[in-house]
């Protein structure tokens, strides 16, 4: 939810795959019983490091 609020306030913020991040959050919250652990772990390993770097960059601005 926080990411969607941030993007509504300032749509020029560069977050890679922002829409997919919001969609994934919604899926985890509302359909967690059908979430496969290996898919979720792949997201954590492959996508969270980039998101962390992007947020660190935003915090420096």
PDB file of N, CA and C in Angstrom:
ATOM      1  N   UNK A   1       0.816  -1.191   0.000  1.00  0.00           N
ATOM      2  CA  UNK A   1       0.000   0.000   0.000  1.00  0.00           C
ATOM      3  C   UNK A   1       0.858   1.252   0.000  1.00  0.00           C
ATOM      4  N   UNK A   2       1.924   1.226   0.739  1.00  0.00           N
ATOM      5  CA  UNK A   2       2.786   2.400   0.818  1.00  0.00           C
ATOM      6  C   UNK A   2       3.335   2.775  -0.557  1.00  0.00           C
ATOM      7  N   UNK A   3       3.745   1.792  -1.331  1.00  0.00           N
ATOM      8  CA  UNK A   3       4.295   2.084  -2.651  1.00  0.00           C
ATOM      9  C   UNK A   3       3.259   2.736  -3.548  1.00  0.00           C
ATOM     10  N   UNK A   4       2.014   2.241  -3.527  1.00  0.00           N
ATOM     11  CA  UNK A   4       0.993   2.878  -4.362  1.00  0.00           C
ATOM     12  C   UNK A   4       0.735   4.312  -3.934  1.00  0.00           C
ATOM     13  N   UNK A   5       0.792   4.584  -2.653  1.00  0.00           N
ATOM     14  CA  UNK A   5       0.606   5.955  -2.160  1.00  0.00           C
ATOM     15  C   UNK A   5       1.752   6.834  -2.635  1.00  0.00           C
ATOM     16  N   UNK A   6       2.968   6.324  -2.522  1.00  0.00           N
ATOM     17  CA  UNK A   6       4.138   7.088  -2.972  1.00  0.00           C
ATOM     18  C   UNK A   6       4.021   7.412  -4.455  1.00  0.00           C
ATOM     19  N   UNK A   7       3.627   6.437  -5.247  1.00  0.00           N
ATOM     20  CA  UNK A   7       3.523   6.659  -6.694  1.00  0.00           C
ATOM     21  C   UNK A   7       2.368   7.588  -7.057  1.00  0.00           C
ATOM     22  N   UNK A   8       1.320   7.617  -6.249  1.00  0.00           N
ATOM     23  CA  UNK A   8       0.236   8.573  -6.499  1.00  0.00           C
ATOM     24  C   UNK A   8       0.689   9.991  -6.198  1.00  0.00           C
ATOM     25  N   UNK A   9       1.495  10.140  -5.154  1.00  0.00           N
ATOM     26  CA  UNK A   9       2.004  11.460  -4.785  1.00  0.00           C
ATOM     27  C   UNK A   9       3.000  11.954  -5.825  1.00  0.00           C
ATOM     28  N   UNK A  10       3.896  11.059  -6.229  1.00  0.00           N
ATOM     29  CA  UNK A  10       4.918  11.435  -7.200  1.00  0.00           C
ATOM     30  C   UNK A  10       5.124  10.296  -8.201  1.00  0.00           C
ATOM     31  N   UNK A  11       4.402  10.318  -9.311  1.00  0.00           N
ATOM     32  CA  UNK A  11       4.515   9.244 -10.296  1.00  0.00           C
ATOM     33  C   UNK A  11       5.858   9.196 -11.021  1.00  0.00           C
ATOM     34  N   UNK A  12       6.689  10.222 -10.841  1.00  0.00           N
ATOM     35  CA  UNK A  12       7.994  10.259 -11.507  1.00  0.00           C
ATOM     36  C   UNK A  12       9.060   9.458 -10.766  1.00  0.00           C
ATOM     37  N   UNK A  13       8.749   8.977  -9.586  1.00  0.00           N
ATOM     38  CA  UNK A  13       9.708   8.172  -8.829  1.00  0.00           C
ATOM     39  C   UNK A  13       9.988   6.896  -9.602  1.00  0.00           C
ATOM     40  N   UNK A  14      11.256   6.594  -9.756  1.00  0.00           N
ATOM     41  CA  UNK A  14      11.667   5.434 -10.538  1.00  0.00           C
ATOM     42  C   UNK A  14      11.821   4.205  -9.649  1.00  0.00           C
ATOM     43  N   UNK A  15      10.833   3.352  -9.676  1.00  0.00           N
ATOM     44  CA  UNK A  15      10.874   2.064  -8.993  1.00  0.00           C
ATOM     45  C   UNK A  15      10.626   1.005 -10.063  1.00  0.00           C
ATOM     46  N   UNK A  16      11.590   0.132 -10.273  1.00  0.00           N
ATOM     47  CA  UNK A  16      11.460  -0.915 -11.272  1.00  0.00           C
ATOM     48  C   UNK A  16      10.279  -1.820 -10.931  1.00  0.00           C
ATOM     49  N   UNK A  17       9.436  -2.060 -11.899  1.00  0.00           N
ATOM     50  CA  UNK A  17       8.298  -2.981 -11.763  1.00  0.00           C
ATOM     51  C   UNK A  17       7.367  -2.600 -10.614  1.00  0.00           C
ATOM     52  N   UNK A  18       7.143  -1.329 -10.432  1.00  0.00           N
ATOM     53  CA  UNK A  18       6.315  -0.863  -9.309  1.00  0.00           C
ATOM     54  C   UNK A  18       4.921  -1.489  -9.320  1.00  0.00           C
ATOM     55  N   UNK A  19       4.310  -1.567 -10.473  1.00  0.00           N
ATOM     56  CA  UNK A  19       2.961  -2.156 -10.553  1.00  0.00           C
ATOM     57  C   UNK A  19       2.987  -3.623 -10.146  1.00  0.00           C
ATOM     58  N   UNK A  20       4.014  -4.354 -10.565  1.00  0.00           N
ATOM     59  CA  UNK A  20       4.126  -5.764 -10.188  1.00  0.00           C
ATOM     60  C   UNK A  20       4.347  -5.924  -8.684  1.00  0.00           C
ATOM     61  N   UNK A  21       5.059  -4.990  -8.095  1.00  0.00           N
ATOM     62  CA  UNK A  21       5.285  -5.040  -6.648  1.00  0.00           C
ATOM     63  C   UNK A  21       3.954  -4.894  -5.916  1.00  0.00           C
ATOM     64  N   UNK A  22       3.157  -3.940  -6.337  1.00  0.00           N
ATOM     65  CA  UNK A  22       1.840  -3.721  -5.717  1.00  0.00           C
ATOM     66  C   UNK A  22       0.955  -4.942  -5.934  1.00  0.00           C
ATOM     67  N   UNK A  23       0.963  -5.482  -7.147  1.00  0.00           N
ATOM     68  CA  UNK A  23       0.153  -6.670  -7.438  1.00  0.00           C
ATOM     69  C   UNK A  23       0.587  -7.864  -6.585  1.00  0.00           C
ATOM     70  N   UNK A  24       1.894  -8.038  -6.422  1.00  0.00           N
ATOM     71  CA  UNK A  24       2.405  -9.142  -5.607  1.00  0.00           C
ATOM     72  C   UNK A  24       1.989  -8.974  -4.158  1.00  0.00           C
ATOM     73  N   UNK A  25       2.072  -7.778  -3.653  1.00  0.00           N
ATOM     74  CA  UNK A  25       1.642  -7.514  -2.280  1.00  0.00           C
ATOM     75  C   UNK A  25       0.176  -7.889  -2.108  1.00  0.00           C
ATOM     76  N   UNK A  26      -0.645  -7.478  -3.056  1.00  0.00           N
ATOM     77  CA  UNK A  26      -2.070  -7.790  -2.977  1.00  0.00           C
ATOM     78  C   UNK A  26      -2.321  -9.294  -3.023  1.00  0.00           C
ATOM     79  N   UNK A  27      -1.574  -9.989  -3.869  1.00  0.00           N
ATOM     80  CA  UNK A  27      -1.720 -11.438  -3.955  1.00  0.00           C
ATOM     81  C   UNK A  27      -1.317 -12.106  -2.636  1.00  0.00           C
ATOM     82  N   UNK A  28      -0.202 -11.685  -2.075  1.00  0.00           N
ATOM     83  CA  UNK A  28       0.270 -12.272  -0.818  1.00  0.00           C
ATOM     84  C   UNK A  28      -0.746 -12.026   0.298  1.00  0.00           C
ATOM     85  N   UNK A  29      -1.323 -10.858   0.345  1.00  0.00           N
ATOM     86  CA  UNK A  29      -2.280 -10.514   1.388  1.00  0.00           C
ATOM     87  C   UNK A  29      -3.606 -11.249   1.211  1.00  0.00           C
ATOM     88  N   UNK A  30      -4.079 -11.349  -0.026  1.00  0.00           N
ATOM     89  CA  UNK A  30      -5.433 -11.857  -0.244  1.00  0.00           C
ATOM     90  C   UNK A  30      -5.503 -13.310  -0.714  1.00  0.00           C
ATOM     91  N   UNK A  31      -4.415 -13.837  -1.251  1.00  0.00           N
ATOM     92  CA  UNK A  31      -4.460 -15.210  -1.774  1.00  0.00           C
ATOM     93  C   UNK A  31      -3.261 -16.016  -1.284  1.00  0.00           C
ATOM     94  N   UNK A  32      -2.833 -15.720  -0.075  1.00  0.00           N
ATOM     95  CA  UNK A  32      -1.625 -16.346   0.461  1.00  0.00           C
ATOM     96  C   UNK A  32      -1.711 -17.869   0.496  1.00  0.00           C
ATOM     97  N   UNK A  33      -2.910 -18.430   0.583  1.00  0.00           N
ATOM     98  CA  UNK A  33      -3.053 -19.879   0.649  1.00  0.00           C
ATOM     99  C   UNK A  33      -2.689 -20.566  -0.667  1.00  0.00           C
ATOM    100  N   UNK A  34      -2.643 -19.824  -1.764  1.00  0.00           N
ATOM    101  CA  UNK A  34      -2.256 -20.424  -3.035  1.00  0.00           C
ATOM    102  C   UNK A  34      -0.854 -20.001  -3.478  1.00  0.00           C
ATOM    103  N   UNK A  35      -0.153 -19.293  -2.623  1.00  0.00           N
ATOM    104  CA  UNK A  35       1.207 -18.845  -2.933  1.00  0.00           C
ATOM    105  C   UNK A  35       2.186 -19.997  -2.748  1.00  0.00           C
ATOM    106  N   UNK A  36       2.959 -20.259  -3.783  1.00  0.00           N
ATOM    107  CA  UNK A  36       3.950 -21.330  -3.722  1.00  0.00           C
ATOM    108  C   UNK A  36       5.236 -20.781  -3.096  1.00  0.00           C
ATOM    109  N   UNK A  37       5.765 -21.463  -2.091  1.00  0.00           N
ATOM    110  CA  UNK A  37       6.965 -20.966  -1.400  1.00  0.00           C
ATOM    111  C   UNK A  37       8.156 -20.728  -2.325  1.00  0.00           C
ATOM    112  N   UNK A  38       8.355 -21.576  -3.327  1.00  0.00           N
ATOM    113  CA  UNK A  38       9.496 -21.389  -4.222  1.00  0.00           C
ATOM    114  C   UNK A  38       9.346 -20.135  -5.081  1.00  0.00           C
ATOM    115  N   UNK A  39       8.125 -19.796  -5.452  1.00  0.00           N
ATOM    116  CA  UNK A  39       7.883 -18.554  -6.209  1.00  0.00           C
ATOM    117  C   UNK A  39       8.181 -17.351  -5.314  1.00  0.00           C
ATOM    118  N   UNK A  40       7.672 -17.396  -4.098  1.00  0.00           N
ATOM    119  CA  UNK A  40       7.898 -16.292  -3.161  1.00  0.00           C
ATOM    120  C   UNK A  40       9.388 -16.136  -2.866  1.00  0.00           C
ATOM    121  N   UNK A  41      10.081 -17.243  -2.647  1.00  0.00           N
ATOM    122  CA  UNK A  41      11.515 -17.181  -2.361  1.00  0.00           C
ATOM    123  C   UNK A  41      12.273 -16.614  -3.565  1.00  0.00           C
ATOM    124  N   UNK A  42      11.854 -16.962  -4.764  1.00  0.00           N
ATOM    125  CA  UNK A  42      12.477 -16.402  -5.955  1.00  0.00           C
ATOM    126  C   UNK A  42      12.324 -14.893  -6.027  1.00  0.00           C
ATOM    127  N   UNK A  43      11.174 -14.402  -5.629  1.00  0.00           N
ATOM    128  CA  UNK A  43      10.951 -12.951  -5.588  1.00  0.00           C
ATOM    129  C   UNK A  43      11.903 -12.308  -4.584  1.00  0.00           C
ATOM    130  N   UNK A  44      12.006 -12.912  -3.410  1.00  0.00           N
ATOM    131  CA  UNK A  44      12.883 -12.374  -2.359  1.00  0.00           C
ATOM    132  C   UNK A  44      14.328 -12.321  -2.841  1.00  0.00           C
ATOM    133  N   UNK A  45      14.806 -13.398  -3.417  1.00  0.00           N
ATOM    134  CA  UNK A  45      16.203 -13.485  -3.836  1.00  0.00           C
ATOM    135  C   UNK A  45      16.501 -12.626  -5.069  1.00  0.00           C
ATOM    136  N   UNK A  46      15.600 -12.618  -6.027  1.00  0.00           N
ATOM    137  CA  UNK A  46      15.885 -11.964  -7.305  1.00  0.00           C
ATOM    138  C   UNK A  46      15.457 -10.512  -7.407  1.00  0.00           C
ATOM    139  N   UNK A  47      14.486 -10.084  -6.617  1.00  0.00           N
ATOM    140  CA  UNK A  47      13.931  -8.744  -6.815  1.00  0.00           C
ATOM    141  C   UNK A  47      14.113  -7.796  -5.628  1.00  0.00           C
ATOM    142  N   UNK A  48      14.138  -8.314  -4.437  1.00  0.00           N
ATOM    143  CA  UNK A  48      14.269  -7.449  -3.258  1.00  0.00           C
ATOM    144  C   UNK A  48      15.599  -6.685  -3.243  1.00  0.00           C
ATOM    145  N   UNK A  49      16.733  -7.290  -3.632  1.00  0.00           N
ATOM    146  CA  UNK A  49      17.982  -6.506  -3.626  1.00  0.00           C
ATOM    147  C   UNK A  49      17.913  -5.251  -4.499  1.00  0.00           C
ATOM    148  N   UNK A  50      17.318  -5.356  -5.683  1.00  0.00           N
ATOM    149  CA  UNK A  50      17.176  -4.176  -6.554  1.00  0.00           C
ATOM    150  C   UNK A  50      16.258  -3.147  -5.910  1.00  0.00           C
ATOM    151  N   UNK A  51      15.147  -3.597  -5.355  1.00  0.00           N
ATOM    152  CA  UNK A  51      14.221  -2.681  -4.694  1.00  0.00           C
ATOM    153  C   UNK A  51      14.904  -1.957  -3.538  1.00  0.00           C
ATOM    154  N   UNK A  52      15.699  -2.685  -2.777  1.00  0.00           N
ATOM    155  CA  UNK A  52      16.434  -2.081  -1.656  1.00  0.00           C
ATOM    156  C   UNK A  52      17.376  -0.987  -2.158  1.00  0.00           C
ATOM    157  N   UNK A  53      18.113  -1.267  -3.226  1.00  0.00           N
ATOM    158  CA  UNK A  53      19.028  -0.254  -3.781  1.00  0.00           C
ATOM    159  C   UNK A  53      18.274   0.982  -4.262  1.00  0.00           C
ATOM    160  N   UNK A  54      17.130   0.758  -4.901  1.00  0.00           N
ATOM    161  CA  UNK A  54      16.352   1.895  -5.393  1.00  0.00           C
ATOM    162  C   UNK A  54      15.828   2.749  -4.240  1.00  0.00           C
ATOM    163  N   UNK A  55      15.363   2.119  -3.175  1.00  0.00           N
ATOM    164  CA  UNK A  55      14.893   2.887  -2.031  1.00  0.00           C
ATOM    165  C   UNK A  55      16.036   3.610  -1.330  1.00  0.00           C
ATOM    166  N   UNK A  56      17.194   2.977  -1.249  1.00  0.00           N
ATOM    167  CA  UNK A  56      18.343   3.652  -0.642  1.00  0.00           C
ATOM    168  C   UNK A  56      18.720   4.895  -1.446  1.00  0.00           C
ATOM    169  N   UNK A  57      18.650   4.794  -2.758  1.00  0.00           N
ATOM    170  CA  UNK A  57      18.928   5.942  -3.627  1.00  0.00           C
ATOM    171  C   UNK A  57      17.908   7.051  -3.389  1.00  0.00           C
ATOM    172  N   UNK A  58      16.639   6.681  -3.284  1.00  0.00           N
ATOM    173  CA  UNK A  58      15.583   7.675  -3.032  1.00  0.00           C
ATOM    174  C   UNK A  58      15.786   8.362  -1.683  1.00  0.00           C
ATOM    175  N   UNK A  59      16.202   7.609  -0.694  1.00  0.00           N
ATOM    176  CA  UNK A  59      16.402   8.192   0.633  1.00  0.00           C
ATOM    177  C   UNK A  59      17.552   9.195   0.656  1.00  0.00           C
ATOM    178  N   UNK A  60      18.515   9.008  -0.222  1.00  0.00           N
ATOM    179  CA  UNK A  60      19.670   9.934  -0.298  1.00  0.00           C
ATOM    180  C   UNK A  60      19.291  11.252  -0.964  1.00  0.00           C
ATOM    181  N   UNK A  61      18.229  11.235  -1.774  1.00  0.00           N
ATOM    182  CA  UNK A  61      17.833  12.456  -2.506  1.00  0.00           C
ATOM    183  C   UNK A  61      17.205  13.469  -1.591  1.00  0.00           C
TER     184      UNK A  61
END
